[in-house]
Amino acid sequence: MAALTLRKVVKRFGHVEIIHGVDLDILEGEFVVFVGPSGCGKSTLLRIIAGLEELTDGELRIGDRVVNDVEPAARGVAMVFQTYALYPHMTVEENMGFGLRMAGTPKAEIQARVGRAAEILHLTPLLKRRPKQLSGGQRQRVAIGRAIVREPKVFLFDEPLSNLDAELRVQMRIEISKLHSDLGSTMIYVTHDQVEAMTLADKIVVLNRGSIEQVGRPMDLYQRPANLFVAGFIGSPKMNFLKIPSAESDGKTLRLKAPDFRDGRITVEAPDKLSVAPGTNVTLGIRPEHIEIRDKGQGKGTLQIEVVESLGDITYLHGITEAGNRLTVSITGFHGFKHGDSTGFDFDAKDLHLFDSQEKALIV
């Protein structure tokens, strides 16, 4: 188990800078998830930690050792890739022990380590099978087992569940979470799926265009996003955003000119430090589950429903407000709404998120 420290880490490919001076601290035993859209640099950052990509500038420490120029095999890390990369002619047991054999580990120790890993991952009955005789989830467990037997200081996962179907992804999320609890190892996990990030992480690192947007515990990012990007990325369905053409604050209340709402205005409590000049443009955010349905003509506004998605226990209403803004509402159960229906909506002002013209949160 080891901590990691990244200081002003930069990665360039030719003249193109991909990672822009990243600073990050990962504690011993933490499960940290790098999340962000495709092309944000999360896999590149993971490969830098693994030693599969050289950093252009900055410093990387694993434990108390600077590893900028240390070979991958000597860093004390083990990586689980998106593809299983198993040898088809080898058994599960042989695949899991291959790296140890190449390192000259004694046969008895290899057998002991493989046996322990197989027991942890429930692979003991499958040790004599070959990869073609395994399901996708079983193959992924073998790939994880191959990492476990190396007894690394840090586990690295690069989108390990992306090739699995929805049901298997749920099962493997549970198994990976349990594995972290059992081993207590430092784990860094890359995904573009914010549901995986929310359910697995002790700490989430949200990346965008090679920079860190926010670092924090899953619910901290969900409840107090630092900017518009994080607010829109964390949460499913994503947060609703409404443009507010005019806002002003007297230090205690914030008055918003809001054409989407029935009276055209809304007032929310604001911290004393908040000062907004009259006429300032802001963006209002409200999560779908924080909007309540009211009878037509009631509440703060009217929603014209365009699409209804019923998942049984939850129904998503997608519609358009009177001012022409799109809104998604999440409600419990099935309510018989259909395309073309009109309904009132309401919310509590305390559930609002507000962002300035630079897309930074006004109230965090």
Protein backbone atom coordinates (compact mmCIF):
# COMPACT_ATOMS: atom_id res chain seq x y z
CA MET A 1 0.00 0.00 0.00
CA ALA A 2 1.36 3.43 -0.91
CA ALA A 3 0.37 7.06 -1.31
CA LEU A 4 0.85 8.91 -4.59
CA THR A 5 1.78 12.53 -5.19
CA LEU A 6 1.62 14.33 -8.52
CA ARG A 7 3.13 17.81 -8.77
CA LYS A 8 2.72 19.99 -11.85
CA VAL A 9 2.57 16.92 -14.10
CA VAL A 10 2.60 17.81 -17.81
CA LYS A 11 2.34 15.54 -20.83
CA ARG A 12 2.94 16.65 -24.39
CA PHE A 13 2.77 14.69 -27.61
CA GLY A 14 4.96 16.76 -29.91
CA HIS A 15 3.72 20.33 -29.58
CA VAL A 16 0.30 19.29 -28.28
CA GLU A 17 -0.10 19.47 -24.50
CA ILE A 18 -2.50 16.80 -23.23
CA ILE A 19 -2.05 17.09 -19.44
CA HIS A 20 -1.74 20.63 -18.08
CA GLY A 21 0.21 20.83 -14.83
CA VAL A 22 -1.82 18.42 -12.68
CA ASP A 23 -1.41 18.49 -8.89
CA LEU A 24 -2.97 15.61 -6.94
CA ASP A 25 -2.54 13.78 -3.63
CA ILE A 26 -3.78 10.19 -3.22
CA LEU A 27 -3.66 8.71 0.27
CA GLU A 28 -2.64 5.18 1.24
CA GLY A 29 -5.57 2.79 0.87
CA GLU A 30 -7.82 5.24 -0.99
CA PHE A 31 -10.03 4.19 -3.89
CA VAL A 32 -9.71 7.11 -6.30
CA VAL A 33 -11.65 7.34 -9.55
CA PHE A 34 -10.56 9.47 -12.52
CA VAL A 35 -13.70 10.42 -14.40
CA GLY A 36 -14.43 12.65 -17.36
CA PRO A 37 -15.52 12.62 -21.00
CA SER A 38 -13.59 10.86 -23.77
CA GLY A 39 -10.35 12.67 -24.54
CA CYS A 40 -10.09 14.43 -21.17
CA GLY A 41 -6.71 12.83 -20.36
CA LYS A 42 -7.74 10.37 -17.64
CA SER A 43 -6.22 7.26 -19.30
CA THR A 44 -3.07 9.19 -20.22
CA LEU A 45 -2.67 10.24 -16.58
CA LEU A 46 -3.12 6.62 -15.47
CA ARG A 47 -0.50 5.44 -17.97
CA ILE A 48 1.92 8.07 -16.66
CA ILE A 49 1.47 6.65 -13.15
CA ALA A 50 2.01 3.13 -14.53
CA GLY A 51 5.15 4.21 -16.38
CA LEU A 52 3.70 3.36 -19.79
CA GLU A 53 3.91 7.04 -20.78
CA GLU A 54 6.76 9.34 -19.85
CA LEU A 55 5.76 12.58 -18.23
CA THR A 56 7.07 15.66 -20.02
CA ASP A 57 7.46 17.78 -16.90
CA GLY A 58 6.65 17.65 -13.20
CA GLU A 59 7.15 15.04 -10.48
CA LEU A 60 5.48 11.73 -9.63
CA ARG A 61 6.02 10.07 -6.26
CA ILE A 62 4.85 6.61 -5.18
CA GLY A 63 5.35 6.43 -1.45
CA ASP A 64 8.42 8.52 -0.66
CA ARG A 65 10.19 7.70 -3.95
CA VAL A 66 10.28 9.85 -7.08
CA VAL A 67 9.52 7.44 -9.95
CA ASN A 68 9.77 9.72 -13.00
CA ASP A 69 12.53 7.59 -14.49
CA VAL A 70 11.70 4.25 -12.85
CA GLU A 71 10.73 1.36 -15.15
CA PRO A 72 7.08 0.20 -14.94
CA ALA A 73 7.98 -3.19 -13.47
CA ALA A 74 9.93 -1.54 -10.64
CA ARG A 75 7.24 0.95 -9.56
CA GLY A 76 5.23 -1.46 -7.44
CA VAL A 77 2.05 -0.98 -9.47
CA ALA A 78 -0.17 -3.46 -11.31
CA MET A 79 -2.56 -2.48 -14.08
CA VAL A 80 -5.83 -4.06 -15.21
CA PHE A 81 -6.64 -3.09 -18.78
CA GLN A 82 -9.89 -2.60 -20.67
CA THR A 83 -9.06 -5.71 -22.70
CA TYR A 84 -8.37 -8.82 -20.64
CA ALA A 85 -5.12 -9.64 -22.52
CA LEU A 86 -5.16 -13.28 -21.41
CA TYR A 87 -3.03 -15.91 -23.13
CA PRO A 88 -5.54 -18.20 -24.89
CA HIS A 89 -3.32 -21.32 -24.72
CA MET A 90 -2.78 -21.01 -20.95
CA THR A 91 -5.08 -22.06 -18.13
CA VAL A 92 -6.43 -19.58 -15.60
CA GLU A 93 -3.77 -20.71 -13.15
CA GLU A 94 -1.00 -20.25 -15.73
CA ASN A 95 -2.28 -16.83 -16.79
CA MET A 96 -2.40 -15.59 -13.20
CA GLY A 97 1.09 -16.85 -12.41
CA PHE A 98 2.79 -15.91 -15.69
CA GLY A 99 4.29 -12.61 -14.50
CA LEU A 100 5.69 -14.25 -11.38
CA ARG A 101 7.28 -17.03 -13.44
CA MET A 102 8.94 -14.44 -15.69
CA ALA A 103 10.28 -12.71 -12.56
CA GLY A 104 11.83 -15.99 -11.34
CA THR A 105 9.56 -16.41 -8.34
CA PRO A 106 9.84 -19.88 -6.76
CA LYS A 107 7.16 -22.33 -7.88
CA ALA A 108 5.78 -22.93 -4.37
CA GLU A 109 5.33 -19.18 -3.81
CA ILE A 110 3.59 -18.80 -7.19
CA GLN A 111 1.17 -21.57 -6.29
CA ALA A 112 0.48 -19.98 -2.90
CA ARG A 113 -0.12 -16.50 -4.33
CA VAL A 114 -2.31 -17.78 -7.17
CA GLY A 115 -4.28 -19.89 -4.70
CA ARG A 116 -4.93 -16.91 -2.42
CA ALA A 117 -5.97 -14.68 -5.31
CA ALA A 118 -8.23 -17.37 -6.75
CA GLU A 119 -9.94 -17.77 -3.39
CA ILE A 120 -10.51 -14.00 -3.07
CA LEU A 121 -11.99 -13.83 -6.59
CA HIS A 122 -13.93 -17.13 -6.44
CA LEU A 123 -11.84 -18.59 -9.25
CA THR A 124 -10.62 -21.77 -7.53
CA PRO A 125 -12.99 -24.12 -9.47
CA LEU A 126 -11.88 -22.50 -12.75
CA LEU A 127 -8.09 -22.71 -12.39
CA LYS A 128 -7.68 -25.46 -14.99
CA ARG A 129 -9.91 -23.82 -17.60
CA ARG A 130 -8.71 -21.78 -20.57
CA PRO A 131 -10.00 -18.26 -21.37
CA LYS A 132 -12.35 -19.45 -24.13
CA GLN A 133 -14.20 -21.53 -21.52
CA LEU A 134 -14.91 -18.46 -19.36
CA SER A 135 -17.57 -15.75 -19.40
CA GLY A 136 -16.60 -12.09 -19.79
CA GLY A 137 -16.92 -11.48 -16.07
CA GLN A 138 -14.78 -14.51 -15.25
CA ARG A 139 -12.08 -13.37 -17.68
CA GLN A 140 -12.03 -9.95 -16.05
CA ARG A 141 -11.61 -11.58 -12.64
CA VAL A 142 -8.64 -13.53 -14.00
CA ALA A 143 -7.11 -10.26 -15.24
CA ILE A 144 -7.61 -8.77 -11.76
CA GLY A 145 -6.15 -11.93 -10.20
CA ARG A 146 -3.04 -11.56 -12.34
CA ALA A 147 -2.60 -8.11 -10.76
CA ILE A 148 -3.29 -9.34 -7.20
CA VAL A 149 -0.60 -12.03 -7.27
CA ARG A 150 2.05 -9.37 -7.87
CA GLU A 151 1.13 -7.87 -4.46
CA PRO A 152 1.52 -4.31 -5.77
CA LYS A 153 1.57 -1.12 -3.75
CA VAL A 154 -1.00 0.41 -6.11
CA PHE A 155 -3.68 -1.13 -8.35
CA LEU A 156 -4.52 0.71 -11.58
CA PHE A 157 -7.77 -0.01 -13.47
CA ASP A 158 -8.26 1.39 -17.00
CA GLU A 159 -12.02 1.17 -17.79
CA PRO A 160 -12.07 -2.53 -16.84
CA LEU A 161 -15.85 -2.97 -17.16
CA SER A 162 -16.48 -1.25 -20.49
CA ASN A 163 -16.59 -4.55 -22.43
CA LEU A 164 -19.19 -6.13 -20.13
CA ASP A 165 -22.96 -6.03 -20.46
CA ALA A 166 -25.05 -3.98 -18.01
CA GLU A 167 -25.79 -6.83 -15.58
CA LEU A 168 -22.17 -7.97 -15.44
CA ARG A 169 -20.97 -4.40 -14.89
CA VAL A 170 -23.15 -4.17 -11.78
CA GLN A 171 -21.82 -7.50 -10.48
CA MET A 172 -18.19 -6.54 -11.15
CA ARG A 173 -18.62 -3.14 -9.49
CA ILE A 174 -19.70 -4.96 -6.34
CA GLU A 175 -16.78 -7.39 -6.59
CA ILE A 176 -14.20 -4.63 -7.14
CA SER A 177 -15.60 -2.66 -4.20
CA LYS A 178 -15.43 -5.77 -2.00
CA LEU A 179 -11.89 -6.44 -3.23
CA HIS A 180 -10.81 -2.99 -2.08
CA SER A 181 -12.37 -3.59 1.33
CA ASP A 182 -10.64 -6.98 1.65
CA LEU A 183 -7.19 -5.87 0.48
CA GLY A 184 -7.16 -2.29 1.76
CA SER A 185 -4.89 -1.40 -1.16
CA THR A 186 -4.52 1.94 -2.91
CA MET A 187 -6.58 1.77 -6.10
CA ILE A 188 -6.90 4.20 -9.00
CA TYR A 189 -9.74 3.53 -11.40
CA VAL A 190 -10.44 5.25 -14.74
CA THR A 191 -13.94 5.44 -16.21
CA HIS A 192 -16.13 7.73 -18.31
CA ASP A 193 -19.17 6.33 -16.47
CA GLN A 194 -20.07 8.65 -13.60
CA VAL A 195 -22.33 5.94 -12.08
CA GLU A 196 -19.22 3.76 -11.60
CA ALA A 197 -17.41 6.75 -10.14
CA MET A 198 -20.19 7.54 -7.65
CA THR A 199 -20.62 3.94 -6.48
CA LEU A 200 -16.95 2.92 -6.19
CA ALA A 201 -14.91 5.95 -5.17
CA ASP A 202 -13.68 7.23 -1.84
CA LYS A 203 -12.55 10.25 -3.84
CA ILE A 204 -13.40 11.38 -7.38
CA VAL A 205 -11.09 13.37 -9.63
CA VAL A 206 -13.11 15.09 -12.37
CA LEU A 207 -10.96 15.77 -15.44
CA ASN A 208 -11.73 17.95 -18.44
CA ARG A 209 -9.39 18.77 -21.32
CA GLY A 210 -6.31 17.66 -19.42
CA SER A 211 -7.00 19.63 -16.24
CA ILE A 212 -8.63 18.79 -12.90
CA GLU A 213 -11.99 20.50 -12.47
CA GLN A 214 -12.70 19.28 -8.92
CA VAL A 215 -11.56 16.65 -6.41
CA GLY A 216 -13.75 15.39 -3.60
CA ARG A 217 -15.95 12.72 -2.11
CA PRO A 218 -18.77 11.55 -4.42
CA MET A 219 -21.62 13.25 -2.53
CA ASP A 220 -19.61 16.45 -2.05
CA LEU A 221 -19.23 16.74 -5.82
CA TYR A 222 -22.89 15.88 -6.29
CA GLN A 223 -24.20 18.34 -3.72
CA ARG A 224 -21.61 21.11 -4.10
CA PRO A 225 -20.18 21.13 -7.64
CA ALA A 226 -17.51 23.80 -8.05
CA ASN A 227 -18.50 24.74 -11.58
CA LEU A 228 -20.93 24.18 -14.42
CA PHE A 229 -18.93 21.32 -15.94
CA VAL A 230 -18.89 19.23 -12.76
CA ALA A 231 -22.56 19.99 -12.10
CA GLY A 232 -23.49 18.73 -15.57
CA PHE A 233 -21.22 15.69 -15.53
CA ILE A 234 -21.96 14.26 -12.08
CA GLY A 235 -25.51 12.98 -11.77
CA SER A 236 -27.84 10.94 -13.98
CA PRO A 237 -29.97 12.32 -15.51
CA LYS A 238 -27.81 15.43 -15.65
CA MET A 239 -28.65 18.67 -13.88
CA ASN A 240 -31.08 21.06 -15.59
CA PHE A 241 -29.62 24.45 -16.51
CA LEU A 242 -31.64 27.62 -17.09
CA LYS A 243 -30.13 30.91 -18.24
CA ILE A 244 -31.08 33.81 -15.98
CA PRO A 245 -30.78 37.12 -17.87
CA SER A 246 -30.58 39.31 -14.78
CA ALA A 247 -29.66 38.86 -11.11
CA GLU A 248 -28.76 41.09 -8.20
CA SER A 249 -27.85 40.58 -4.55
CA ASP A 250 -27.98 42.75 -1.45
CA GLY A 251 -25.73 40.34 0.45
CA LYS A 252 -28.58 38.42 2.08
CA THR A 253 -30.94 37.60 -0.77
CA LEU A 254 -30.40 36.96 -4.45
CA ARG A 255 -33.17 38.07 -6.80
CA LEU A 256 -33.31 36.37 -10.17
CA LYS A 257 -35.25 37.49 -13.21
CA ALA A 258 -36.52 34.12 -14.40
CA PRO A 259 -38.97 33.98 -17.34
CA ASP A 260 -39.39 30.21 -16.83
CA PHE A 261 -41.20 30.83 -13.54
CA ARG A 262 -44.80 31.93 -13.15
CA ASP A 263 -44.12 35.29 -11.49
CA GLY A 264 -41.02 35.94 -13.62
CA ARG A 265 -38.77 36.20 -10.56
CA ILE A 266 -37.36 34.07 -7.78
CA THR A 267 -35.59 35.04 -4.56
CA VAL A 268 -33.14 32.82 -2.69
CA GLU A 269 -31.13 33.27 0.47
CA ALA A 270 -27.50 34.11 -0.18
CA PRO A 271 -24.43 34.05 2.06
CA ASP A 272 -23.21 37.45 3.26
CA LYS A 273 -20.08 37.25 1.13
CA LEU A 274 -22.07 36.89 -2.10
CA SER A 275 -22.26 40.13 -4.06
CA VAL A 276 -23.83 40.21 -7.50
CA ALA A 277 -24.09 43.45 -9.44
CA PRO A 278 -27.52 44.34 -10.87
CA GLY A 279 -28.06 42.91 -14.34
CA THR A 280 -25.50 40.11 -13.95
CA ASN A 281 -26.14 37.01 -16.07
CA VAL A 282 -26.15 33.72 -14.14
CA THR A 283 -27.05 30.10 -14.81
CA LEU A 284 -29.50 28.35 -12.51
CA GLY A 285 -29.12 24.60 -11.97
CA ILE A 286 -31.69 22.22 -10.52
CA ARG A 287 -31.43 18.44 -10.41
CA PRO A 288 -34.33 16.41 -11.90
CA GLU A 289 -35.10 14.70 -8.57
CA HIS A 290 -35.44 18.07 -6.81
CA ILE A 291 -38.34 19.16 -9.03
CA GLU A 292 -41.86 18.29 -7.87
CA ILE A 293 -44.90 17.90 -10.10
CA ARG A 294 -47.94 20.03 -9.34
CA ASP A 295 -51.42 20.34 -10.83
CA LYS A 296 -51.61 22.40 -13.99
CA GLY A 297 -51.51 26.08 -13.13
CA GLN A 298 -49.87 25.43 -9.75
CA GLY A 299 -46.24 25.73 -8.67
CA LYS A 300 -43.51 27.96 -10.06
CA GLY A 301 -43.97 27.13 -13.73
CA THR A 302 -45.53 24.97 -16.44
CA LEU A 303 -43.92 22.05 -18.26
CA GLN A 304 -45.11 20.85 -21.67
CA ILE A 305 -44.18 17.15 -21.76
CA GLU A 306 -42.48 15.87 -24.92
CA VAL A 307 -41.06 12.48 -23.85
CA VAL A 308 -41.93 10.11 -20.99
CA GLU A 309 -39.42 7.45 -19.90
CA SER A 310 -40.85 4.97 -17.41
CA LEU A 311 -38.39 2.65 -15.66
CA GLY A 312 -40.98 1.17 -13.31
CA ASP A 313 -39.85 2.63 -10.00
CA ILE A 314 -38.85 5.97 -11.59
CA THR A 315 -40.34 8.03 -14.41
CA TYR A 316 -38.43 10.73 -16.30
CA LEU A 317 -40.44 13.55 -17.83
CA HIS A 318 -38.65 15.52 -20.55
CA GLY A 319 -40.34 18.71 -21.60
CA ILE A 320 -40.13 22.39 -22.34
CA THR A 321 -40.97 25.38 -20.15
CA GLU A 322 -43.09 28.35 -21.16
CA ALA A 323 -39.90 30.31 -21.86
CA GLY A 324 -38.66 27.55 -24.20
CA ASN A 325 -36.05 25.93 -21.94
CA ARG A 326 -35.76 22.16 -21.73
CA LEU A 327 -36.34 20.52 -18.37
CA THR A 328 -36.07 16.93 -17.09
CA VAL A 329 -38.05 15.87 -14.03
CA SER A 330 -37.50 12.63 -12.09
CA ILE A 331 -40.53 11.32 -10.18
CA THR A 332 -41.12 8.13 -8.22
CA GLY A 333 -43.40 5.51 -9.76
CA PHE A 334 -45.62 5.75 -12.84
CA HIS A 335 -48.12 8.58 -13.13
CA GLY A 336 -49.71 8.03 -16.54
CA PHE A 337 -48.17 11.08 -18.20
CA LYS A 338 -47.90 11.04 -21.98
CA HIS A 339 -46.58 13.17 -24.82
CA GLY A 340 -48.44 16.47 -25.07
CA ASP A 341 -49.56 16.65 -21.43
CA SER A 342 -49.00 19.87 -19.52
CA THR A 343 -48.24 20.01 -15.80
CA GLY A 344 -47.10 22.45 -13.14
CA PHE A 345 -43.74 22.10 -11.45
CA ASP A 346 -42.20 23.37 -8.23
CA PHE A 347 -38.97 23.14 -6.21
CA ASP A 348 -37.38 24.35 -3.01
CA ALA A 349 -35.04 27.30 -3.46
CA LYS A 350 -32.45 25.60 -1.19
CA ASP A 351 -31.93 22.96 -3.90
CA LEU A 352 -30.86 25.49 -6.53
CA HIS A 353 -27.30 25.79 -7.83
CA LEU A 354 -26.12 29.11 -9.27
CA PHE A 355 -23.16 29.72 -11.59
CA ASP A 356 -21.64 33.00 -12.75
CA SER A 357 -20.70 34.05 -16.29
CA GLN A 358 -17.34 32.21 -15.88
CA GLU A 359 -19.31 29.04 -15.03
CA LYS A 360 -18.09 28.95 -11.42
CA ALA A 361 -20.47 28.17 -8.57
CA LEU A 362 -21.76 31.25 -6.77
CA ILE A 363 -22.88 29.30 -3.71
CA VAL A 364 -20.83 26.23 -2.73
